[in-house]
Amino acid sequence: MVTVAELLHGVYRADTAERRAARLACAESILRAIPILPYDEQVARVLAPLDAQLQANGNKIAIADLIIAAPAIAQGRTLLHRDGIGFPRIRP
C-alpha cells in the first residue's frame, strides 16, 4: 500500500488540472495492471527478522522500503524497482 500512496501522492502534487488528470490516469492504469499484495501478520513476520539482520550487518534501510519489499518476499515474488540503493541490499 505504500506504493499506492506514493503513486497517488504524485497525482496530487501536479501543478495543473491537466497534469493531475494525466497522472491520475497513469496511476490508475498501473494499479489495475499490478496486483496489490496485502501487508498482514505473515508479512510482518518476514519484515522483522529481515530488518534486524540488515541492521546487524550495518545496512539500515527505510522502513517504507521494507514494507514495500516484505509482501513480495513473503509470497515468493520478484520485486521490480528502480531504486539502486536500498532495494538491492534486501535479500530474503
PDB file of N, CA and C in Angstrom:
ATOM      1  N   MET A   1       0.801  -1.197   0.000  1.00  0.00           N
ATOM      2  CA  MET A   1       0.000   0.000   0.000  1.00  0.00           C
ATOM      3  C   MET A   1       0.847   1.265   0.000  1.00  0.00           C
ATOM      4  N   VAL A   2       2.094   1.157   0.441  1.00  0.00           N
ATOM      5  CA  VAL A   2       2.963   2.327   0.416  1.00  0.00           C
ATOM      6  C   VAL A   2       3.137   2.801  -1.022  1.00  0.00           C
ATOM      7  N   THR A   3       3.293   1.871  -1.935  1.00  0.00           N
ATOM      8  CA  THR A   3       3.472   2.232  -3.336  1.00  0.00           C
ATOM      9  C   THR A   3       2.231   2.920  -3.891  1.00  0.00           C
ATOM     10  N   VAL A   4       1.058   2.471  -3.501  1.00  0.00           N
ATOM     11  CA  VAL A   4      -0.184   3.125  -3.929  1.00  0.00           C
ATOM     12  C   VAL A   4      -0.167   4.572  -3.454  1.00  0.00           C
ATOM     13  N   ALA A   5       0.177   4.780  -2.195  1.00  0.00           N
ATOM     14  CA  ALA A   5       0.237   6.139  -1.655  1.00  0.00           C
ATOM     15  C   ALA A   5       1.275   6.985  -2.397  1.00  0.00           C
ATOM     16  N   GLU A   6       2.413   6.386  -2.713  1.00  0.00           N
ATOM     17  CA  GLU A   6       3.444   7.129  -3.443  1.00  0.00           C
ATOM     18  C   GLU A   6       2.958   7.529  -4.836  1.00  0.00           C
ATOM     19  N   LEU A   7       2.295   6.607  -5.527  1.00  0.00           N
ATOM     20  CA  LEU A   7       1.744   6.932  -6.847  1.00  0.00           C
ATOM     21  C   LEU A   7       0.736   8.071  -6.761  1.00  0.00           C
ATOM     22  N   LEU A   8      -0.186   7.954  -5.816  1.00  0.00           N
ATOM     23  CA  LEU A   8      -1.235   8.965  -5.694  1.00  0.00           C
ATOM     24  C   LEU A   8      -0.699  10.294  -5.166  1.00  0.00           C
ATOM     25  N   HIS A   9       0.342  10.250  -4.371  1.00  0.00           N
ATOM     26  CA  HIS A   9       0.976  11.482  -3.900  1.00  0.00           C
ATOM     27  C   HIS A   9       1.439  12.322  -5.092  1.00  0.00           C
ATOM     28  N   GLY A  10       2.044  11.656  -6.059  1.00  0.00           N
ATOM     29  CA  GLY A  10       2.479  12.359  -7.268  1.00  0.00           C
ATOM     30  C   GLY A  10       1.319  12.962  -8.043  1.00  0.00           C
ATOM     31  N   VAL A  11       0.178  12.289  -8.021  1.00  0.00           N
ATOM     32  CA  VAL A  11      -1.017  12.821  -8.685  1.00  0.00           C
ATOM     33  C   VAL A  11      -1.398  14.150  -8.057  1.00  0.00           C
ATOM     34  N   TYR A  12      -1.471  14.179  -6.744  1.00  0.00           N
ATOM     35  CA  TYR A  12      -1.973  15.359  -6.051  1.00  0.00           C
ATOM     36  C   TYR A  12      -0.952  16.477  -5.928  1.00  0.00           C
ATOM     37  N   ARG A  13       0.285  16.228  -6.320  1.00  0.00           N
ATOM     38  CA  ARG A  13       1.291  17.288  -6.361  1.00  0.00           C
ATOM     39  C   ARG A  13       1.341  17.973  -7.713  1.00  0.00           C
ATOM     40  N   ALA A  14       0.569  17.511  -8.666  1.00  0.00           N
ATOM     41  CA  ALA A  14       0.566  18.112 -10.007  1.00  0.00           C
ATOM     42  C   ALA A  14       0.205  19.597  -9.914  1.00  0.00           C
ATOM     43  N   ASP A  15       0.861  20.381 -10.738  1.00  0.00           N
ATOM     44  CA  ASP A  15       0.659  21.831 -10.664  1.00  0.00           C
ATOM     45  C   ASP A  15      -0.453  22.364 -11.566  1.00  0.00           C
ATOM     46  N   THR A  16      -1.051  21.493 -12.370  1.00  0.00           N
ATOM     47  CA  THR A  16      -2.193  21.907 -13.192  1.00  0.00           C
ATOM     48  C   THR A  16      -3.241  20.797 -13.187  1.00  0.00           C
ATOM     49  N   ALA A  17      -4.466  21.173 -13.481  1.00  0.00           N
ATOM     50  CA  ALA A  17      -5.546  20.182 -13.543  1.00  0.00           C
ATOM     51  C   ALA A  17      -5.280  19.167 -14.647  1.00  0.00           C
ATOM     52  N   GLU A  18      -4.730  19.613 -15.747  1.00  0.00           N
ATOM     53  CA  GLU A  18      -4.442  18.706 -16.863  1.00  0.00           C
ATOM     54  C   GLU A  18      -3.374  17.689 -16.475  1.00  0.00           C
ATOM     55  N   ARG A  19      -2.327  18.173 -15.815  1.00  0.00           N
ATOM     56  CA  ARG A  19      -1.257  17.270 -15.388  1.00  0.00           C
ATOM     57  C   ARG A  19      -1.778  16.292 -14.338  1.00  0.00           C
ATOM     58  N   ARG A  20      -2.637  16.778 -13.431  1.00  0.00           N
ATOM     59  CA  ARG A  20      -3.219  15.903 -12.415  1.00  0.00           C
ATOM     60  C   ARG A  20      -4.053  14.810 -13.077  1.00  0.00           C
ATOM     61  N   ALA A  21      -4.855  15.167 -14.056  1.00  0.00           N
ATOM     62  CA  ALA A  21      -5.694  14.181 -14.743  1.00  0.00           C
ATOM     63  C   ALA A  21      -4.832  13.144 -15.460  1.00  0.00           C
ATOM     64  N   ALA A  22      -3.758  13.584 -16.100  1.00  0.00           N
ATOM     65  CA  ALA A  22      -2.868  12.659 -16.802  1.00  0.00           C
ATOM     66  C   ALA A  22      -2.174  11.718 -15.813  1.00  0.00           C
ATOM     67  N   ARG A  23      -1.711  12.275 -14.705  1.00  0.00           N
ATOM     68  CA  ARG A  23      -1.051  11.447 -13.694  1.00  0.00           C
ATOM     69  C   ARG A  23      -2.024  10.454 -13.068  1.00  0.00           C
ATOM     70  N   LEU A  24      -3.244  10.899 -12.819  1.00  0.00           N
ATOM     71  CA  LEU A  24      -4.246  10.006 -12.232  1.00  0.00           C
ATOM     72  C   LEU A  24      -4.560   8.859 -13.181  1.00  0.00           C
ATOM     73  N   ALA A  25      -4.709   9.163 -14.464  1.00  0.00           N
ATOM     74  CA  ALA A  25      -4.985   8.109 -15.451  1.00  0.00           C
ATOM     75  C   ALA A  25      -3.832   7.102 -15.485  1.00  0.00           C
ATOM     76  N   CYS A  26      -2.621   7.586 -15.440  1.00  0.00           N
ATOM     77  CA  CYS A  26      -1.447   6.708 -15.448  1.00  0.00           C
ATOM     78  C   CYS A  26      -1.416   5.851 -14.184  1.00  0.00           C
ATOM     79  N   ALA A  27      -1.613   6.478 -13.025  1.00  0.00           N
ATOM     80  CA  ALA A  27      -1.592   5.747 -11.761  1.00  0.00           C
ATOM     81  C   ALA A  27      -2.679   4.679 -11.726  1.00  0.00           C
ATOM     82  N   GLU A  28      -3.874   5.024 -12.162  1.00  0.00           N
ATOM     83  CA  GLU A  28      -4.977   4.049 -12.163  1.00  0.00           C
ATOM     84  C   GLU A  28      -4.680   2.894 -13.102  1.00  0.00           C
ATOM     85  N   SER A  29      -4.052   3.179 -14.226  1.00  0.00           N
ATOM     86  CA  SER A  29      -3.675   2.130 -15.171  1.00  0.00           C
ATOM     87  C   SER A  29      -2.677   1.159 -14.534  1.00  0.00           C
ATOM     88  N   ILE A  30      -1.707   1.702 -13.841  1.00  0.00           N
ATOM     89  CA  ILE A  30      -0.719   0.868 -13.160  1.00  0.00           C
ATOM     90  C   ILE A  30      -1.395   0.021 -12.081  1.00  0.00           C
ATOM     91  N   LEU A  31      -2.272   0.648 -11.302  1.00  0.00           N
ATOM     92  CA  LEU A  31      -2.933  -0.064 -10.206  1.00  0.00           C
ATOM     93  C   LEU A  31      -3.854  -1.174 -10.705  1.00  0.00           C
ATOM     94  N   ARG A  32      -4.418  -1.003 -11.882  1.00  0.00           N
ATOM     95  CA  ARG A  32      -5.253  -2.064 -12.466  1.00  0.00           C
ATOM     96  C   ARG A  32      -4.395  -3.226 -12.972  1.00  0.00           C
ATOM     97  N   ALA A  33      -3.188  -2.924 -13.415  1.00  0.00           N
ATOM     98  CA  ALA A  33      -2.342  -3.932 -14.054  1.00  0.00           C
ATOM     99  C   ALA A  33      -1.514  -4.760 -13.072  1.00  0.00           C
ATOM    100  N   ILE A  34      -1.235  -4.210 -11.910  1.00  0.00           N
ATOM    101  CA  ILE A  34      -0.325  -4.869 -10.971  1.00  0.00           C
ATOM    102  C   ILE A  34      -1.089  -5.232  -9.706  1.00  0.00           C
ATOM    103  N   PRO A  35      -0.983  -6.486  -9.254  1.00  0.00           N
ATOM    104  CA  PRO A  35      -1.709  -6.863  -8.037  1.00  0.00           C
ATOM    105  C   PRO A  35      -1.161  -6.135  -6.807  1.00  0.00           C
ATOM    106  N   ILE A  36      -2.059  -5.770  -5.911  1.00  0.00           N
ATOM    107  CA  ILE A  36      -1.680  -5.149  -4.645  1.00  0.00           C
ATOM    108  C   ILE A  36      -1.563  -6.271  -3.620  1.00  0.00           C
ATOM    109  N   LEU A  37      -0.369  -6.475  -3.109  1.00  0.00           N
ATOM    110  CA  LEU A  37      -0.145  -7.532  -2.133  1.00  0.00           C
ATOM    111  C   LEU A  37      -0.485  -7.008  -0.739  1.00  0.00           C
ATOM    112  N   PRO A  38      -1.132  -7.832   0.088  1.00  0.00           N
ATOM    113  CA  PRO A  38      -1.514  -7.370   1.413  1.00  0.00           C
ATOM    114  C   PRO A  38      -0.322  -7.275   2.356  1.00  0.00           C
ATOM    115  N   TYR A  39      -0.439  -6.363   3.306  1.00  0.00           N
ATOM    116  CA  TYR A  39       0.510  -6.308   4.417  1.00  0.00           C
ATOM    117  C   TYR A  39      -0.240  -6.878   5.616  1.00  0.00           C
ATOM    118  N   ASP A  40       0.147  -8.064   6.031  1.00  0.00           N
ATOM    119  CA  ASP A  40      -0.551  -8.745   7.118  1.00  0.00           C
ATOM    120  C   ASP A  40       0.477  -9.330   8.085  1.00  0.00           C
ATOM    121  N   GLU A  41       0.006 -10.162   8.998  1.00  0.00           N
ATOM    122  CA  GLU A  41       0.901 -10.724  10.002  1.00  0.00           C
ATOM    123  C   GLU A  41       2.019 -11.547   9.371  1.00  0.00           C
ATOM    124  N   GLN A  42       1.707 -12.307   8.344  1.00  0.00           N
ATOM    125  CA  GLN A  42       2.737 -13.112   7.665  1.00  0.00           C
ATOM    126  C   GLN A  42       3.849 -12.204   7.134  1.00  0.00           C
ATOM    127  N   VAL A  43       3.465 -11.099   6.566  1.00  0.00           N
ATOM    128  CA  VAL A  43       4.445 -10.156   6.020  1.00  0.00           C
ATOM    129  C   VAL A  43       5.259  -9.531   7.147  1.00  0.00           C
ATOM    130  N   ALA A  44       4.600  -9.165   8.240  1.00  0.00           N
ATOM    131  CA  ALA A  44       5.306  -8.581   9.384  1.00  0.00           C
ATOM    132  C   ALA A  44       6.336  -9.567   9.935  1.00  0.00           C
ATOM    133  N   ARG A  45       6.004 -10.856   9.888  1.00  0.00           N
ATOM    134  CA  ARG A  45       6.930 -11.881  10.377  1.00  0.00           C
ATOM    135  C   ARG A  45       8.113 -12.084   9.427  1.00  0.00           C
ATOM    136  N   VAL A  46       7.985 -11.678   8.190  1.00  0.00           N
ATOM    137  CA  VAL A  46       9.108 -11.667   7.246  1.00  0.00           C
ATOM    138  C   VAL A  46       9.932 -10.403   7.460  1.00  0.00           C
ATOM    139  N   LEU A  47       9.250  -9.280   7.618  1.00  0.00           N
ATOM    140  CA  LEU A  47       9.928  -7.985   7.731  1.00  0.00           C
ATOM    141  C   LEU A  47      10.792  -7.899   8.982  1.00  0.00           C
ATOM    142  N   ALA A  48      10.288  -8.328  10.124  1.00  0.00           N
ATOM    143  CA  ALA A  48      11.003  -8.146  11.392  1.00  0.00           C
ATOM    144  C   ALA A  48      12.405  -8.761  11.387  1.00  0.00           C
ATOM    145  N   PRO A  49      12.555 -10.047  11.063  1.00  0.00           N
ATOM    146  CA  PRO A  49      13.913 -10.591  11.061  1.00  0.00           C
ATOM    147  C   PRO A  49      14.775 -10.035   9.934  1.00  0.00           C
ATOM    148  N   LEU A  50      14.158  -9.694   8.816  1.00  0.00           N
ATOM    149  CA  LEU A  50      14.896  -9.101   7.709  1.00  0.00           C
ATOM    150  C   LEU A  50      15.493  -7.765   8.140  1.00  0.00           C
ATOM    151  N   ASP A  51      14.684  -6.920   8.762  1.00  0.00           N
ATOM    152  CA  ASP A  51      15.149  -5.622   9.239  1.00  0.00           C
ATOM    153  C   ASP A  51      16.236  -5.789  10.296  1.00  0.00           C
ATOM    154  N   ALA A  52      16.027  -6.726  11.227  1.00  0.00           N
ATOM    155  CA  ALA A  52      17.024  -6.954  12.277  1.00  0.00           C
ATOM    156  C   ALA A  52      18.355  -7.403  11.686  1.00  0.00           C
ATOM    157  N   GLN A  53      18.310  -8.316  10.711  1.00  0.00           N
ATOM    158  CA  GLN A  53      19.543  -8.808  10.091  1.00  0.00           C
ATOM    159  C   GLN A  53      20.253  -7.712   9.299  1.00  0.00           C
ATOM    160  N   LEU A  54      19.481  -6.935   8.561  1.00  0.00           N
ATOM    161  CA  LEU A  54      20.075  -5.828   7.808  1.00  0.00           C
ATOM    162  C   LEU A  54      20.774  -4.847   8.747  1.00  0.00           C
ATOM    163  N   GLN A  55      20.107  -4.487   9.840  1.00  0.00           N
ATOM    164  CA  GLN A  55      20.700  -3.556  10.789  1.00  0.00           C
ATOM    165  C   GLN A  55      21.939  -4.147  11.448  1.00  0.00           C
ATOM    166  N   ALA A  56      21.892  -5.436  11.780  1.00  0.00           N
ATOM    167  CA  ALA A  56      23.051  -6.096  12.388  1.00  0.00           C
ATOM    168  C   ALA A  56      24.256  -6.072  11.457  1.00  0.00           C
ATOM    169  N   ASN A  57      23.983  -6.081  10.155  1.00  0.00           N
ATOM    170  CA  ASN A  57      25.056  -6.033   9.151  1.00  0.00           C
ATOM    171  C   ASN A  57      25.422  -4.613   8.751  1.00  0.00           C
ATOM    172  N   GLY A  58      24.831  -3.622   9.438  1.00  0.00           N
ATOM    173  CA  GLY A  58      25.140  -2.224   9.136  1.00  0.00           C
ATOM    174  C   GLY A  58      24.404  -1.684   7.928  1.00  0.00           C
ATOM    175  N   ASN A  59      23.311  -2.341   7.537  1.00  0.00           N
ATOM    176  CA  ASN A  59      22.542  -1.933   6.359  1.00  0.00           C
ATOM    177  C   ASN A  59      21.166  -1.415   6.756  1.00  0.00           C
ATOM    178  N   LYS A  60      21.107  -0.259   7.375  1.00  0.00           N
ATOM    179  CA  LYS A  60      19.810   0.327   7.743  1.00  0.00           C
ATOM    180  C   LYS A  60      19.092   0.741   6.469  1.00  0.00           C
ATOM    181  N   ILE A  61      17.860   0.242   6.303  1.00  0.00           N
ATOM    182  CA  ILE A  61      17.031   0.562   5.142  1.00  0.00           C
ATOM    183  C   ILE A  61      15.725   1.166   5.653  1.00  0.00           C
ATOM    184  N   ALA A  62      15.223   2.162   4.950  1.00  0.00           N
ATOM    185  CA  ALA A  62      13.984   2.830   5.358  1.00  0.00           C
ATOM    186  C   ALA A  62      12.862   1.811   5.532  1.00  0.00           C
ATOM    187  N   ILE A  63      12.105   1.963   6.607  1.00  0.00           N
ATOM    188  CA  ILE A  63      11.019   1.027   6.895  1.00  0.00           C
ATOM    189  C   ILE A  63       9.994   0.999   5.764  1.00  0.00           C
ATOM    190  N   ALA A  64       9.756   2.133   5.115  1.00  0.00           N
ATOM    191  CA  ALA A  64       8.807   2.148   3.990  1.00  0.00           C
ATOM    192  C   ALA A  64       9.284   1.220   2.879  1.00  0.00           C
ATOM    193  N   ASP A  65      10.580   1.190   2.615  1.00  0.00           N
ATOM    194  CA  ASP A  65      11.107   0.288   1.586  1.00  0.00           C
ATOM    195  C   ASP A  65      10.942  -1.173   2.000  1.00  0.00           C
ATOM    196  N   LEU A  66      11.136  -1.454   3.278  1.00  0.00           N
ATOM    197  CA  LEU A  66      10.939  -2.827   3.753  1.00  0.00           C
ATOM    198  C   LEU A  66       9.465  -3.226   3.699  1.00  0.00           C
ATOM    199  N   ILE A  67       8.576  -2.275   3.973  1.00  0.00           N
ATOM    200  CA  ILE A  67       7.140  -2.562   3.889  1.00  0.00           C
ATOM    201  C   ILE A  67       6.734  -2.824   2.443  1.00  0.00           C
ATOM    202  N   ILE A  68       7.422  -2.224   1.505  1.00  0.00           N
ATOM    203  CA  ILE A  68       7.170  -2.494   0.082  1.00  0.00           C
ATOM    204  C   ILE A  68       7.730  -3.871  -0.294  1.00  0.00           C
ATOM    205  N   ALA A  69       8.915  -4.186   0.165  1.00  0.00           N
ATOM    206  CA  ALA A  69       9.591  -5.424  -0.235  1.00  0.00           C
ATOM    207  C   ALA A  69       9.046  -6.669   0.457  1.00  0.00           C
ATOM    208  N   ALA A  70       8.678  -6.564   1.719  1.00  0.00           N
ATOM    209  CA  ALA A  70       8.305  -7.746   2.501  1.00  0.00           C
ATOM    210  C   ALA A  70       7.127  -8.536   1.934  1.00  0.00           C
ATOM    211  N   PRO A  71       6.057  -7.904   1.428  1.00  0.00           N
ATOM    212  CA  PRO A  71       4.980  -8.723   0.846  1.00  0.00           C
ATOM    213  C   PRO A  71       5.449  -9.567  -0.338  1.00  0.00           C
ATOM    214  N   ALA A  72       6.313  -9.003  -1.170  1.00  0.00           N
ATOM    215  CA  ALA A  72       6.836  -9.765  -2.313  1.00  0.00           C
ATOM    216  C   ALA A  72       7.663 -10.949  -1.821  1.00  0.00           C
ATOM    217  N   ILE A  73       8.501 -10.710  -0.825  1.00  0.00           N
ATOM    218  CA  ILE A  73       9.326 -11.790  -0.277  1.00  0.00           C
ATOM    219  C   ILE A  73       8.443 -12.860   0.353  1.00  0.00           C
ATOM    220  N   ALA A  74       7.437 -12.442   1.123  1.00  0.00           N
ATOM    221  CA  ALA A  74       6.559 -13.393   1.812  1.00  0.00           C
ATOM    222  C   ALA A  74       5.825 -14.293   0.830  1.00  0.00           C
ATOM    223  N   GLN A  75       5.523 -13.779  -0.361  1.00  0.00           N
ATOM    224  CA  GLN A  75       4.803 -14.576  -1.356  1.00  0.00           C
ATOM    225  C   GLN A  75       5.723 -15.168  -2.421  1.00  0.00           C
ATOM    226  N   GLY A  76       7.031 -15.025  -2.236  1.00  0.00           N
ATOM    227  CA  GLY A  76       7.979 -15.591  -3.187  1.00  0.00           C
ATOM    228  C   GLY A  76       7.937 -14.920  -4.548  1.00  0.00           C
ATOM    229  N   ARG A  77       7.598 -13.654  -4.569  1.00  0.00           N
ATOM    230  CA  ARG A  77       7.513 -12.910  -5.826  1.00  0.00           C
ATOM    231  C   ARG A  77       8.763 -12.074  -6.048  1.00  0.00           C
ATOM    232  N   THR A  78       8.938 -11.648  -7.272  1.00  0.00           N
ATOM    233  CA  THR A  78      10.046 -10.778  -7.625  1.00  0.00           C
ATOM    234  C   THR A  78       9.623  -9.325  -7.437  1.00  0.00           C
ATOM    235  N   LEU A  79      10.486  -8.555  -6.813  1.00  0.00           N
ATOM    236  CA  LEU A  79      10.227  -7.132  -6.612  1.00  0.00           C
ATOM    237  C   LEU A  79      10.904  -6.352  -7.721  1.00  0.00           C
ATOM    238  N   LEU A  80      10.116  -5.619  -8.486  1.00  0.00           N
ATOM    239  CA  LEU A  80      10.664  -4.761  -9.523  1.00  0.00           C
ATOM    240  C   LEU A  80      10.798  -3.361  -8.957  1.00  0.00           C
ATOM    241  N   HIS A  81      11.933  -2.737  -9.210  1.00  0.00           N
ATOM    242  CA  HIS A  81      12.173  -1.404  -8.656  1.00  0.00           C
ATOM    243  C   HIS A  81      13.174  -0.658  -9.519  1.00  0.00           C
ATOM    244  N   ARG A  82      13.267   0.634  -9.262  1.00  0.00           N
ATOM    245  CA  ARG A  82      14.263   1.465  -9.938  1.00  0.00           C
ATOM    246  C   ARG A  82      15.219   2.069  -8.925  1.00  0.00           C
ATOM    247  N   ASP A  83      15.155   1.611  -7.682  1.00  0.00           N
ATOM    248  CA  ASP A  83      15.989   2.110  -6.597  1.00  0.00           C
ATOM    249  C   ASP A  83      17.316   1.364  -6.628  1.00  0.00           C
ATOM    250  N   GLY A  84      18.384   2.058  -6.907  1.00  0.00           N
ATOM    251  CA  GLY A  84      19.691   1.420  -6.959  1.00  0.00           C
ATOM    252  C   GLY A  84      20.411   1.394  -5.634  1.00  0.00           C
ATOM    253  N   ILE A  85      19.755   1.886  -4.563  1.00  0.00           N
ATOM    254  CA  ILE A  85      20.442   1.982  -3.276  1.00  0.00           C
ATOM    255  C   ILE A  85      19.876   0.991  -2.263  1.00  0.00           C
ATOM    256  N   GLY A  86      18.628   1.167  -1.869  1.00  0.00           N
ATOM    257  CA  GLY A  86      18.047   0.361  -0.793  1.00  0.00           C
ATOM    258  C   GLY A  86      17.647  -1.040  -1.186  1.00  0.00           C
ATOM    259  N   PHE A  87      16.847  -1.161  -2.216  1.00  0.00           N
ATOM    260  CA  PHE A  87      16.280  -2.467  -2.557  1.00  0.00           C
ATOM    261  C   PHE A  87      17.320  -3.527  -2.919  1.00  0.00           C
ATOM    262  N   PRO A  88      18.408  -3.200  -3.613  1.00  0.00           N
ATOM    263  CA  PRO A  88      19.381  -4.264  -3.918  1.00  0.00           C
ATOM    264  C   PRO A  88      19.998  -4.899  -2.670  1.00  0.00           C
ATOM    265  N   ARG A  89      19.965  -4.224  -1.532  1.00  0.00           N
ATOM    266  CA  ARG A  89      20.517  -4.784  -0.303  1.00  0.00           C
ATOM    267  C   ARG A  89      19.547  -5.721   0.393  1.00  0.00           C
ATOM    268  N   ILE A  90      18.288  -5.757  -0.043  1.00  0.00           N
ATOM    269  CA  ILE A  90      17.279  -6.599   0.584  1.00  0.00           C
ATOM    270  C   ILE A  90      17.316  -7.977  -0.065  1.00  0.00           C
ATOM    271  N   ARG A  91      17.653  -8.966   0.736  1.00  0.00           N
ATOM    272  CA  ARG A  91      17.704 -10.343   0.260  1.00  0.00           C
ATOM    273  C   ARG A  91      16.877 -11.199   1.207  1.00  0.00           C
ATOM    274  N   PRO A  92      16.022 -12.069   0.665  1.00  0.00           N
ATOM    275  CA  PRO A  92      15.211 -12.952   1.541  1.00  0.00           C
ATOM    276  C   PRO A  92      16.085 -13.883   2.356  1.00  0.00           C
TER     277      PRO A  92
END
